[in-house]
Amino acid sequence: MSEELWPWDFVVLQPLSDGKPMHLKGIYAAIKERRGKGGINEKLFKVDGRWGDRQDYTHIVRSTISHAVTEGYVKHLGTGRTGRYQITDKGQEYLAKIQL
């Protein structure tokens, strides 16, 4: 991969690409695993403090997931914090279009 930063839709949908439902914590973990391997802005792993003690990227992930649900790329299974997310067929097609 180049030094280019990946679009957040790709960063968030990629961990879901196997079709298995995943909690937000699992998505965060998959993104953290990619840390240092390029594609994700390292500055986003800091804690700003404006939104509590979460790393900044978690807010982007939550926003991106919310948008993906609205667009029909991901479905939310369950409710609240115990809910999990699963990529839809539409989401798989979209991911294939933006695949790096």
PDB file of N, CA and C in Angstrom:
ATOM      1  N   MET A   1       0.838  -1.184   0.000  1.00  0.00           N
ATOM      2  CA  MET A   1       0.000   0.000   0.000  1.00  0.00           C
ATOM      3  C   MET A   1       0.884   1.249   0.000  1.00  0.00           C
ATOM      4  N   SER A   2       0.381   2.284  -0.557  1.00  0.00           N
ATOM      5  CA  SER A   2       1.120   3.536  -0.598  1.00  0.00           C
ATOM      6  C   SER A   2       0.922   4.303   0.707  1.00  0.00           C
ATOM      7  N   GLU A   3       1.518   5.480   0.769  1.00  0.00           N
ATOM      8  CA  GLU A   3       1.366   6.355   1.929  1.00  0.00           C
ATOM      9  C   GLU A   3      -0.027   6.979   1.986  1.00  0.00           C
ATOM     10  N   GLU A   4      -0.796   6.766   0.950  1.00  0.00           N
ATOM     11  CA  GLU A   4      -2.133   7.342   0.856  1.00  0.00           C
ATOM     12  C   GLU A   4      -3.028   6.807   1.972  1.00  0.00           C
ATOM     13  N   LEU A   5      -3.890   7.677   2.501  1.00  0.00           N
ATOM     14  CA  LEU A   5      -4.820   7.259   3.548  1.00  0.00           C
ATOM     15  C   LEU A   5      -6.066   6.651   2.920  1.00  0.00           C
ATOM     16  N   TRP A   6      -6.563   5.614   3.558  1.00  0.00           N
ATOM     17  CA  TRP A   6      -7.739   4.914   3.052  1.00  0.00           C
ATOM     18  C   TRP A   6      -9.009   5.668   3.411  1.00  0.00           C
ATOM     19  N   PRO A   7     -10.055   5.518   2.586  1.00  0.00           N
ATOM     20  CA  PRO A   7     -11.346   6.102   2.964  1.00  0.00           C
ATOM     21  C   PRO A   7     -11.912   5.328   4.166  1.00  0.00           C
ATOM     22  N   TRP A   8     -12.582   6.039   5.042  1.00  0.00           N
ATOM     23  CA  TRP A   8     -13.104   5.391   6.251  1.00  0.00           C
ATOM     24  C   TRP A   8     -14.139   4.315   5.948  1.00  0.00           C
ATOM     25  N   ASP A   9     -14.885   4.454   4.866  1.00  0.00           N
ATOM     26  CA  ASP A   9     -15.822   3.384   4.508  1.00  0.00           C
ATOM     27  C   ASP A   9     -15.059   2.065   4.339  1.00  0.00           C
ATOM     28  N   PHE A  10     -13.913   2.119   3.688  1.00  0.00           N
ATOM     29  CA  PHE A  10     -13.101   0.919   3.494  1.00  0.00           C
ATOM     30  C   PHE A  10     -12.558   0.419   4.837  1.00  0.00           C
ATOM     31  N   VAL A  11     -12.029   1.317   5.644  1.00  0.00           N
ATOM     32  CA  VAL A  11     -11.441   0.950   6.936  1.00  0.00           C
ATOM     33  C   VAL A  11     -12.457   0.227   7.815  1.00  0.00           C
ATOM     34  N   VAL A  12     -13.691   0.702   7.814  1.00  0.00           N
ATOM     35  CA  VAL A  12     -14.732   0.136   8.685  1.00  0.00           C
ATOM     36  C   VAL A  12     -15.372  -1.111   8.080  1.00  0.00           C
ATOM     37  N   LEU A  13     -15.620  -1.123   6.785  1.00  0.00           N
ATOM     38  CA  LEU A  13     -16.286  -2.276   6.168  1.00  0.00           C
ATOM     39  C   LEU A  13     -15.351  -3.478   6.003  1.00  0.00           C
ATOM     40  N   GLN A  14     -14.073  -3.242   5.852  1.00  0.00           N
ATOM     41  CA  GLN A  14     -13.133  -4.342   5.642  1.00  0.00           C
ATOM     42  C   GLN A  14     -13.195  -5.400   6.746  1.00  0.00           C
ATOM     43  N   PRO A  15     -13.188  -5.022   8.036  1.00  0.00           N
ATOM     44  CA  PRO A  15     -13.274  -6.052   9.080  1.00  0.00           C
ATOM     45  C   PRO A  15     -14.586  -6.855   9.048  1.00  0.00           C
ATOM     46  N   LEU A  16     -15.611  -6.296   8.423  1.00  0.00           N
ATOM     47  CA  LEU A  16     -16.908  -6.976   8.338  1.00  0.00           C
ATOM     48  C   LEU A  16     -17.035  -7.836   7.081  1.00  0.00           C
ATOM     49  N   SER A  17     -16.038  -7.799   6.228  1.00  0.00           N
ATOM     50  CA  SER A  17     -16.146  -8.396   4.892  1.00  0.00           C
ATOM     51  C   SER A  17     -16.369  -9.905   4.880  1.00  0.00           C
ATOM     52  N   ASP A  18     -16.050 -10.596   5.982  1.00  0.00           N
ATOM     53  CA  ASP A  18     -16.279 -12.041   6.009  1.00  0.00           C
ATOM     54  C   ASP A  18     -17.740 -12.398   6.261  1.00  0.00           C
ATOM     55  N   GLY A  19     -18.560 -11.372   6.534  1.00  0.00           N
ATOM     56  CA  GLY A  19     -19.993 -11.586   6.711  1.00  0.00           C
ATOM     57  C   GLY A  19     -20.417 -11.945   8.121  1.00  0.00           C
ATOM     58  N   LYS A  20     -19.463 -12.148   9.017  1.00  0.00           N
ATOM     59  CA  LYS A  20     -19.799 -12.496  10.404  1.00  0.00           C
ATOM     60  C   LYS A  20     -20.160 -11.239  11.184  1.00  0.00           C
ATOM     61  N   PRO A  21     -21.206 -11.304  12.016  1.00  0.00           N
ATOM     62  CA  PRO A  21     -21.566 -10.144  12.841  1.00  0.00           C
ATOM     63  C   PRO A  21     -20.420  -9.795  13.790  1.00  0.00           C
ATOM     64  N   MET A  22     -20.248  -8.498  14.044  1.00  0.00           N
ATOM     65  CA  MET A  22     -19.140  -8.053  14.871  1.00  0.00           C
ATOM     66  C   MET A  22     -19.590  -6.886  15.748  1.00  0.00           C
ATOM     67  N   HIS A  23     -19.136  -6.898  17.004  1.00  0.00           N
ATOM     68  CA  HIS A  23     -19.370  -5.773  17.911  1.00  0.00           C
ATOM     69  C   HIS A  23     -18.446  -4.626  17.516  1.00  0.00           C
ATOM     70  N   LEU A  24     -18.784  -3.425  17.940  1.00  0.00           N
ATOM     71  CA  LEU A  24     -17.917  -2.277  17.687  1.00  0.00           C
ATOM     72  C   LEU A  24     -16.508  -2.525  18.223  1.00  0.00           C
ATOM     73  N   LYS A  25     -16.416  -3.175  19.380  1.00  0.00           N
ATOM     74  CA  LYS A  25     -15.095  -3.457  19.960  1.00  0.00           C
ATOM     75  C   LYS A  25     -14.245  -4.288  19.004  1.00  0.00           C
ATOM     76  N   GLY A  26     -14.867  -5.209  18.301  1.00  0.00           N
ATOM     77  CA  GLY A  26     -14.148  -6.034  17.332  1.00  0.00           C
ATOM     78  C   GLY A  26     -13.673  -5.215  16.146  1.00  0.00           C
ATOM     79  N   ILE A  27     -14.496  -4.271  15.713  1.00  0.00           N
ATOM     80  CA  ILE A  27     -14.105  -3.385  14.612  1.00  0.00           C
ATOM     81  C   ILE A  27     -12.948  -2.505  15.055  1.00  0.00           C
ATOM     82  N   TYR A  28     -13.048  -1.955  16.280  1.00  0.00           N
ATOM     83  CA  TYR A  28     -11.950  -1.147  16.807  1.00  0.00           C
ATOM     84  C   TYR A  28     -10.660  -1.962  16.851  1.00  0.00           C
ATOM     85  N   ALA A  29     -10.756  -3.202  17.327  1.00  0.00           N
ATOM     86  CA  ALA A  29      -9.570  -4.061  17.446  1.00  0.00           C
ATOM     87  C   ALA A  29      -8.943  -4.341  16.081  1.00  0.00           C
ATOM     88  N   ALA A  30      -9.782  -4.597  15.080  1.00  0.00           N
ATOM     89  CA  ALA A  30      -9.271  -4.864  13.732  1.00  0.00           C
ATOM     90  C   ALA A  30      -8.549  -3.639  13.173  1.00  0.00           C
ATOM     91  N   ILE A  31      -9.082  -2.466  13.466  1.00  0.00           N
ATOM     92  CA  ILE A  31      -8.450  -1.231  12.994  1.00  0.00           C
ATOM     93  C   ILE A  31      -7.134  -1.008  13.738  1.00  0.00           C
ATOM     94  N   LYS A  32      -7.134  -1.232  15.048  1.00  0.00           N
ATOM     95  CA  LYS A  32      -5.896  -1.075  15.820  1.00  0.00           C
ATOM     96  C   LYS A  32      -4.819  -2.049  15.345  1.00  0.00           C
ATOM     97  N   GLU A  33      -5.245  -3.225  14.930  1.00  0.00           N
ATOM     98  CA  GLU A  33      -4.302  -4.224  14.422  1.00  0.00           C
ATOM     99  C   GLU A  33      -3.594  -3.712  13.163  1.00  0.00           C
ATOM    100  N   ARG A  34      -4.294  -2.919  12.376  1.00  0.00           N
ATOM    101  CA  ARG A  34      -3.721  -2.338  11.156  1.00  0.00           C
ATOM    102  C   ARG A  34      -2.781  -1.172  11.456  1.00  0.00           C
ATOM    103  N   ARG A  35      -2.846  -0.671  12.669  1.00  0.00           N
ATOM    104  CA  ARG A  35      -2.049   0.508  13.036  1.00  0.00           C
ATOM    105  C   ARG A  35      -0.574   0.282  12.725  1.00  0.00           C
ATOM    106  N   GLY A  36       0.010   1.312  12.138  1.00  0.00           N
ATOM    107  CA  GLY A  36       1.427   1.257  11.831  1.00  0.00           C
ATOM    108  C   GLY A  36       1.751   0.565  10.517  1.00  0.00           C
ATOM    109  N   LYS A  37       0.734   0.026   9.857  1.00  0.00           N
ATOM    110  CA  LYS A  37       0.948  -0.674   8.586  1.00  0.00           C
ATOM    111  C   LYS A  37       0.525   0.187   7.403  1.00  0.00           C
ATOM    112  N   GLY A  38       0.210   1.444   7.668  1.00  0.00           N
ATOM    113  CA  GLY A  38      -0.190   2.360   6.608  1.00  0.00           C
ATOM    114  C   GLY A  38      -1.686   2.391   6.396  1.00  0.00           C
ATOM    115  N   GLY A  39      -2.124   3.440   5.734  1.00  0.00           N
ATOM    116  CA  GLY A  39      -3.524   3.567   5.356  1.00  0.00           C
ATOM    117  C   GLY A  39      -4.392   4.337   6.320  1.00  0.00           C
ATOM    118  N   ILE A  40      -3.994   4.381   7.596  1.00  0.00           N
ATOM    119  CA  ILE A  40      -4.801   5.065   8.604  1.00  0.00           C
ATOM    120  C   ILE A  40      -3.941   6.153   9.243  1.00  0.00           C
ATOM    121  N   ASN A  41      -4.495   7.341   9.364  1.00  0.00           N
ATOM    122  CA  ASN A  41      -3.779   8.473   9.933  1.00  0.00           C
ATOM    123  C   ASN A  41      -3.429   8.191  11.392  1.00  0.00           C
ATOM    124  N   GLU A  42      -2.151   8.121  11.691  1.00  0.00           N
ATOM    125  CA  GLU A  42      -1.671   7.829  13.041  1.00  0.00           C
ATOM    126  C   GLU A  42      -2.135   8.861  14.075  1.00  0.00           C
ATOM    127  N   LYS A  43      -2.359  10.073  13.636  1.00  0.00           N
ATOM    128  CA  LYS A  43      -2.797  11.120  14.558  1.00  0.00           C
ATOM    129  C   LYS A  43      -4.144  10.796  15.186  1.00  0.00           C
ATOM    130  N   LEU A  44      -4.926   9.942  14.536  1.00  0.00           N
ATOM    131  CA  LEU A  44      -6.260   9.617  15.034  1.00  0.00           C
ATOM    132  C   LEU A  44      -6.240   8.619  16.189  1.00  0.00           C
ATOM    133  N   PHE A  45      -5.076   8.095  16.536  1.00  0.00           N
ATOM    134  CA  PHE A  45      -4.973   7.172  17.655  1.00  0.00           C
ATOM    135  C   PHE A  45      -4.681   7.892  18.968  1.00  0.00           C
ATOM    136  N   LYS A  46      -4.610   9.231  18.919  1.00  0.00           N
ATOM    137  CA  LYS A  46      -4.413  10.000  20.138  1.00  0.00           C
ATOM    138  C   LYS A  46      -5.761  10.199  20.835  1.00  0.00           C
ATOM    139  N   VAL A  47      -5.699  10.628  22.063  1.00  0.00           N
ATOM    140  CA  VAL A  47      -6.907  10.964  22.811  1.00  0.00           C
ATOM    141  C   VAL A  47      -6.950  12.474  22.939  1.00  0.00           C
ATOM    142  N   ASP A  48      -7.970  13.071  22.338  1.00  0.00           N
ATOM    143  CA  ASP A  48      -8.111  14.522  22.323  1.00  0.00           C
ATOM    144  C   ASP A  48      -8.606  15.029  23.671  1.00  0.00           C
ATOM    145  N   GLY A  49      -9.517  14.313  24.281  1.00  0.00           N
ATOM    146  CA  GLY A  49     -10.066  14.730  25.561  1.00  0.00           C
ATOM    147  C   GLY A  49     -11.396  15.441  25.460  1.00  0.00           C
ATOM    148  N   ARG A  50     -11.720  15.939  24.256  1.00  0.00           N
ATOM    149  CA  ARG A  50     -13.000  16.637  24.102  1.00  0.00           C
ATOM    150  C   ARG A  50     -14.178  15.693  24.243  1.00  0.00           C
ATOM    151  N   TRP A  51     -13.965  14.413  23.933  1.00  0.00           N
ATOM    152  CA  TRP A  51     -15.058  13.433  23.964  1.00  0.00           C
ATOM    153  C   TRP A  51     -14.755  12.323  24.960  1.00  0.00           C
ATOM    154  N   GLY A  52     -14.153  12.637  26.054  1.00  0.00           N
ATOM    155  CA  GLY A  52     -13.829  11.623  27.032  1.00  0.00           C
ATOM    156  C   GLY A  52     -12.458  11.029  26.766  1.00  0.00           C
ATOM    157  N   ASP A  53     -12.273   9.789  27.195  1.00  0.00           N
ATOM    158  CA  ASP A  53     -10.950   9.178  27.092  1.00  0.00           C
ATOM    159  C   ASP A  53     -10.828   8.188  25.935  1.00  0.00           C
ATOM    160  N   ARG A  54     -11.699   8.296  24.962  1.00  0.00           N
ATOM    161  CA  ARG A  54     -11.610   7.427  23.782  1.00  0.00           C
ATOM    162  C   ARG A  54     -10.640   8.012  22.767  1.00  0.00           C
ATOM    163  N   GLN A  55      -9.977   7.106  22.049  1.00  0.00           N
ATOM    164  CA  GLN A  55      -9.116   7.569  20.965  1.00  0.00           C
ATOM    165  C   GLN A  55      -9.983   8.177  19.877  1.00  0.00           C
ATOM    166  N   ASP A  56      -9.446   9.169  19.204  1.00  0.00           N
ATOM    167  CA  ASP A  56     -10.231   9.935  18.232  1.00  0.00           C
ATOM    168  C   ASP A  56     -10.841   9.071  17.135  1.00  0.00           C
ATOM    169  N   TYR A  57     -10.132   8.044  16.681  1.00  0.00           N
ATOM    170  CA  TYR A  57     -10.649   7.239  15.569  1.00  0.00           C
ATOM    171  C   TYR A  57     -11.959   6.542  15.911  1.00  0.00           C
ATOM    172  N   THR A  58     -12.210   6.271  17.188  1.00  0.00           N
ATOM    173  CA  THR A  58     -13.444   5.573  17.559  1.00  0.00           C
ATOM    174  C   THR A  58     -14.674   6.405  17.205  1.00  0.00           C
ATOM    175  N   HIS A  59     -14.558   7.710  17.282  1.00  0.00           N
ATOM    176  CA  HIS A  59     -15.678   8.582  16.932  1.00  0.00           C
ATOM    177  C   HIS A  59     -15.942   8.535  15.424  1.00  0.00           C
ATOM    178  N   ILE A  60     -14.882   8.451  14.656  1.00  0.00           N
ATOM    179  CA  ILE A  60     -15.022   8.337  13.198  1.00  0.00           C
ATOM    180  C   ILE A  60     -15.654   7.001  12.844  1.00  0.00           C
ATOM    181  N   VAL A  61     -15.243   5.940  13.531  1.00  0.00           N
ATOM    182  CA  VAL A  61     -15.806   4.610  13.273  1.00  0.00           C
ATOM    183  C   VAL A  61     -17.300   4.617  13.571  1.00  0.00           C
ATOM    184  N   ARG A  62     -17.690   5.160  14.686  1.00  0.00           N
ATOM    185  CA  ARG A  62     -19.113   5.197  15.057  1.00  0.00           C
ATOM    186  C   ARG A  62     -19.935   5.976  14.039  1.00  0.00           C
ATOM    187  N   SER A  63     -19.417   7.099  13.600  1.00  0.00           N
ATOM    188  CA  SER A  63     -20.103   7.903  12.591  1.00  0.00           C
ATOM    189  C   SER A  63     -20.198   7.152  11.259  1.00  0.00           C
ATOM    190  N   THR A  64     -19.110   6.508  10.871  1.00  0.00           N
ATOM    191  CA  THR A  64     -19.086   5.760   9.611  1.00  0.00           C
ATOM    192  C   THR A  64     -20.044   4.582   9.659  1.00  0.00           C
ATOM    193  N   ILE A  65     -20.094   3.878  10.775  1.00  0.00           N
ATOM    194  CA  ILE A  65     -21.029   2.753  10.936  1.00  0.00           C
ATOM    195  C   ILE A  65     -22.464   3.256  10.845  1.00  0.00           C
ATOM    196  N   SER A  66     -22.749   4.359  11.508  1.00  0.00           N
ATOM    197  CA  SER A  66     -24.094   4.927  11.469  1.00  0.00           C
ATOM    198  C   SER A  66     -24.502   5.243  10.031  1.00  0.00           C
ATOM    199  N   HIS A  67     -23.600   5.845   9.285  1.00  0.00           N
ATOM    200  CA  HIS A  67     -23.864   6.166   7.881  1.00  0.00           C
ATOM    201  C   HIS A  67     -24.047   4.883   7.064  1.00  0.00           C
ATOM    202  N   ALA A  68     -23.223   3.869   7.325  1.00  0.00           N
ATOM    203  CA  ALA A  68     -23.316   2.596   6.590  1.00  0.00           C
ATOM    204  C   ALA A  68     -24.659   1.913   6.847  1.00  0.00           C
ATOM    205  N   VAL A  69     -25.156   2.020   8.063  1.00  0.00           N
ATOM    206  CA  VAL A  69     -26.470   1.452   8.380  1.00  0.00           C
ATOM    207  C   VAL A  69     -27.551   2.209   7.607  1.00  0.00           C
ATOM    208  N   THR A  70     -27.475   3.530   7.609  1.00  0.00           N
ATOM    209  CA  THR A  70     -28.437   4.364   6.888  1.00  0.00           C
ATOM    210  C   THR A  70     -28.453   4.041   5.396  1.00  0.00           C
ATOM    211  N   GLU A  71     -27.267   3.808   4.819  1.00  0.00           N
ATOM    212  CA  GLU A  71     -27.144   3.505   3.388  1.00  0.00           C
ATOM    213  C   GLU A  71     -27.507   2.056   3.047  1.00  0.00           C
ATOM    214  N   GLY A  72     -27.657   1.211   4.070  1.00  0.00           N
ATOM    215  CA  GLY A  72     -27.988  -0.187   3.831  1.00  0.00           C
ATOM    216  C   GLY A  72     -26.777  -1.066   3.573  1.00  0.00           C
ATOM    217  N   TYR A  73     -25.571  -0.564   3.868  1.00  0.00           N
ATOM    218  CA  TYR A  73     -24.348  -1.348   3.680  1.00  0.00           C
ATOM    219  C   TYR A  73     -24.116  -2.313   4.838  1.00  0.00           C
ATOM    220  N   VAL A  74     -24.670  -1.949   5.979  1.00  0.00           N
ATOM    221  CA  VAL A  74     -24.499  -2.725   7.201  1.00  0.00           C
ATOM    222  C   VAL A  74     -25.848  -2.777   7.903  1.00  0.00           C
ATOM    223  N   LYS A  75     -26.118  -3.916   8.543  1.00  0.00           N
ATOM    224  CA  LYS A  75     -27.333  -3.969   9.365  1.00  0.00           C
ATOM    225  C   LYS A  75     -26.925  -4.115  10.825  1.00  0.00           C
ATOM    226  N   HIS A  76     -27.713  -3.502  11.690  1.00  0.00           N
ATOM    227  CA  HIS A  76     -27.468  -3.535  13.130  1.00  0.00           C
ATOM    228  C   HIS A  76     -28.317  -4.649  13.722  1.00  0.00           C
ATOM    229  N   LEU A  77     -27.660  -5.605  14.318  1.00  0.00           N
ATOM    230  CA  LEU A  77     -28.341  -6.740  14.943  1.00  0.00           C
ATOM    231  C   LEU A  77     -28.352  -6.521  16.449  1.00  0.00           C
ATOM    232  N   GLY A  78     -29.496  -6.577  17.055  1.00  0.00           N
ATOM    233  CA  GLY A  78     -29.583  -6.337  18.486  1.00  0.00           C
ATOM    234  C   GLY A  78     -29.747  -4.848  18.751  1.00  0.00           C
ATOM    235  N   THR A  79     -29.484  -4.467  20.001  1.00  0.00           N
ATOM    236  CA  THR A  79     -29.654  -3.065  20.372  1.00  0.00           C
ATOM    237  C   THR A  79     -28.484  -2.596  21.223  1.00  0.00           C
ATOM    238  N   GLY A  80     -28.310  -1.300  21.205  1.00  0.00           N
ATOM    239  CA  GLY A  80     -27.337  -0.662  22.086  1.00  0.00           C
ATOM    240  C   GLY A  80     -25.933  -1.223  21.992  1.00  0.00           C
ATOM    241  N   ARG A  81     -25.265  -1.219  23.133  1.00  0.00           N
ATOM    242  CA  ARG A  81     -23.871  -1.651  23.193  1.00  0.00           C
ATOM    243  C   ARG A  81     -23.687  -3.136  22.921  1.00  0.00           C
ATOM    244  N   THR A  82     -24.720  -3.912  23.147  1.00  0.00           N
ATOM    245  CA  THR A  82     -24.601  -5.354  22.904  1.00  0.00           C
ATOM    246  C   THR A  82     -24.886  -5.703  21.445  1.00  0.00           C
ATOM    247  N   GLY A  83     -25.329  -4.719  20.689  1.00  0.00           N
ATOM    248  CA  GLY A  83     -25.639  -4.942  19.281  1.00  0.00           C
ATOM    249  C   GLY A  83     -24.387  -5.251  18.476  1.00  0.00           C
ATOM    250  N   ARG A  84     -24.602  -5.948  17.386  1.00  0.00           N
ATOM    251  CA  ARG A  84     -23.501  -6.280  16.482  1.00  0.00           C
ATOM    252  C   ARG A  84     -23.855  -5.773  15.097  1.00  0.00           C
ATOM    253  N   TYR A  85     -22.848  -5.683  14.264  1.00  0.00           N
ATOM    254  CA  TYR A  85     -23.018  -5.178  12.905  1.00  0.00           C
ATOM    255  C   TYR A  85     -22.614  -6.251  11.907  1.00  0.00           C
ATOM    256  N   GLN A  86     -23.373  -6.322  10.821  1.00  0.00           N
ATOM    257  CA  GLN A  86     -23.096  -7.312   9.781  1.00  0.00           C
ATOM    258  C   GLN A  86     -23.227  -6.635   8.421  1.00  0.00           C
ATOM    259  N   ILE A  87     -22.267  -6.890   7.556  1.00  0.00           N
ATOM    260  CA  ILE A  87     -22.292  -6.307   6.224  1.00  0.00           C
ATOM    261  C   ILE A  87     -23.414  -6.959   5.415  1.00  0.00           C
ATOM    262  N   THR A  88     -24.063  -6.182   4.583  1.00  0.00           N
ATOM    263  CA  THR A  88     -25.137  -6.686   3.724  1.00  0.00           C
ATOM    264  C   THR A  88     -24.571  -6.978   2.327  1.00  0.00           C
ATOM    265  N   ASP A  89     -25.399  -7.557   1.476  1.00  0.00           N
ATOM    266  CA  ASP A  89     -24.980  -7.771   0.084  1.00  0.00           C
ATOM    267  C   ASP A  89     -24.652  -6.435  -0.581  1.00  0.00           C
ATOM    268  N   LYS A  90     -25.477  -5.439  -0.308  1.00  0.00           N
ATOM    269  CA  LYS A  90     -25.225  -4.103  -0.857  1.00  0.00           C
ATOM    270  C   LYS A  90     -23.882  -3.571  -0.351  1.00  0.00           C
ATOM    271  N   GLY A  91     -23.571  -3.826   0.914  1.00  0.00           N
ATOM    272  CA  GLY A  91     -22.298  -3.407   1.490  1.00  0.00           C
ATOM    273  C   GLY A  91     -21.119  -4.142   0.870  1.00  0.00           C
ATOM    274  N   GLN A  92     -21.301  -5.437   0.570  1.00  0.00           N
ATOM    275  CA  GLN A  92     -20.237  -6.204  -0.090  1.00  0.00           C
ATOM    276  C   GLN A  92     -19.969  -5.642  -1.483  1.00  0.00           C
ATOM    277  N   GLU A  93     -21.028  -5.294  -2.202  1.00  0.00           N
ATOM    278  CA  GLU A  93     -20.871  -4.707  -3.536  1.00  0.00           C
ATOM    279  C   GLU A  93     -20.155  -3.365  -3.448  1.00  0.00           C
ATOM    280  N   TYR A  94     -20.538  -2.552  -2.472  1.00  0.00           N
ATOM    281  CA  TYR A  94     -19.895  -1.252  -2.281  1.00  0.00           C
ATOM    282  C   TYR A  94     -18.419  -1.428  -1.917  1.00  0.00           C
ATOM    283  N   LEU A  95     -18.126  -2.355  -1.020  1.00  0.00           N
ATOM    284  CA  LEU A  95     -16.749  -2.606  -0.623  1.00  0.00           C
ATOM    285  C   LEU A  95     -15.912  -3.050  -1.812  1.00  0.00           C
ATOM    286  N   ALA A  96     -16.482  -3.867  -2.680  1.00  0.00           N
ATOM    287  CA  ALA A  96     -15.763  -4.312  -3.883  1.00  0.00           C
ATOM    288  C   ALA A  96     -15.426  -3.125  -4.790  1.00  0.00           C
ATOM    289  N   LYS A  97     -16.307  -2.127  -4.823  1.00  0.00           N
ATOM    290  CA  LYS A  97     -16.076  -0.937  -5.662  1.00  0.00           C
ATOM    291  C   LYS A  97     -14.946  -0.066  -5.096  1.00  0.00           C
ATOM    292  N   ILE A  98     -14.843  -0.011  -3.773  1.00  0.00           N
ATOM    293  CA  ILE A  98     -13.835   0.864  -3.168  1.00  0.00           C
ATOM    294  C   ILE A  98     -12.590   0.092  -2.736  1.00  0.00           C
ATOM    295  N   GLN A  99     -12.554  -1.199  -3.020  1.00  0.00           N
ATOM    296  CA  GLN A  99     -11.428  -2.053  -2.628  1.00  0.00           C
ATOM    297  C   GLN A  99     -10.116  -1.458  -3.117  1.00  0.00           C
ATOM    298  N   LEU A 100      -9.142  -1.469  -2.255  1.00  0.00           N
ATOM    299  CA  LEU A 100      -7.836  -0.892  -2.583  1.00  0.00           C
ATOM    300  C   LEU A 100      -6.919  -1.938  -3.170  1.00  0.00           C
TER     301      LEU A 100
END
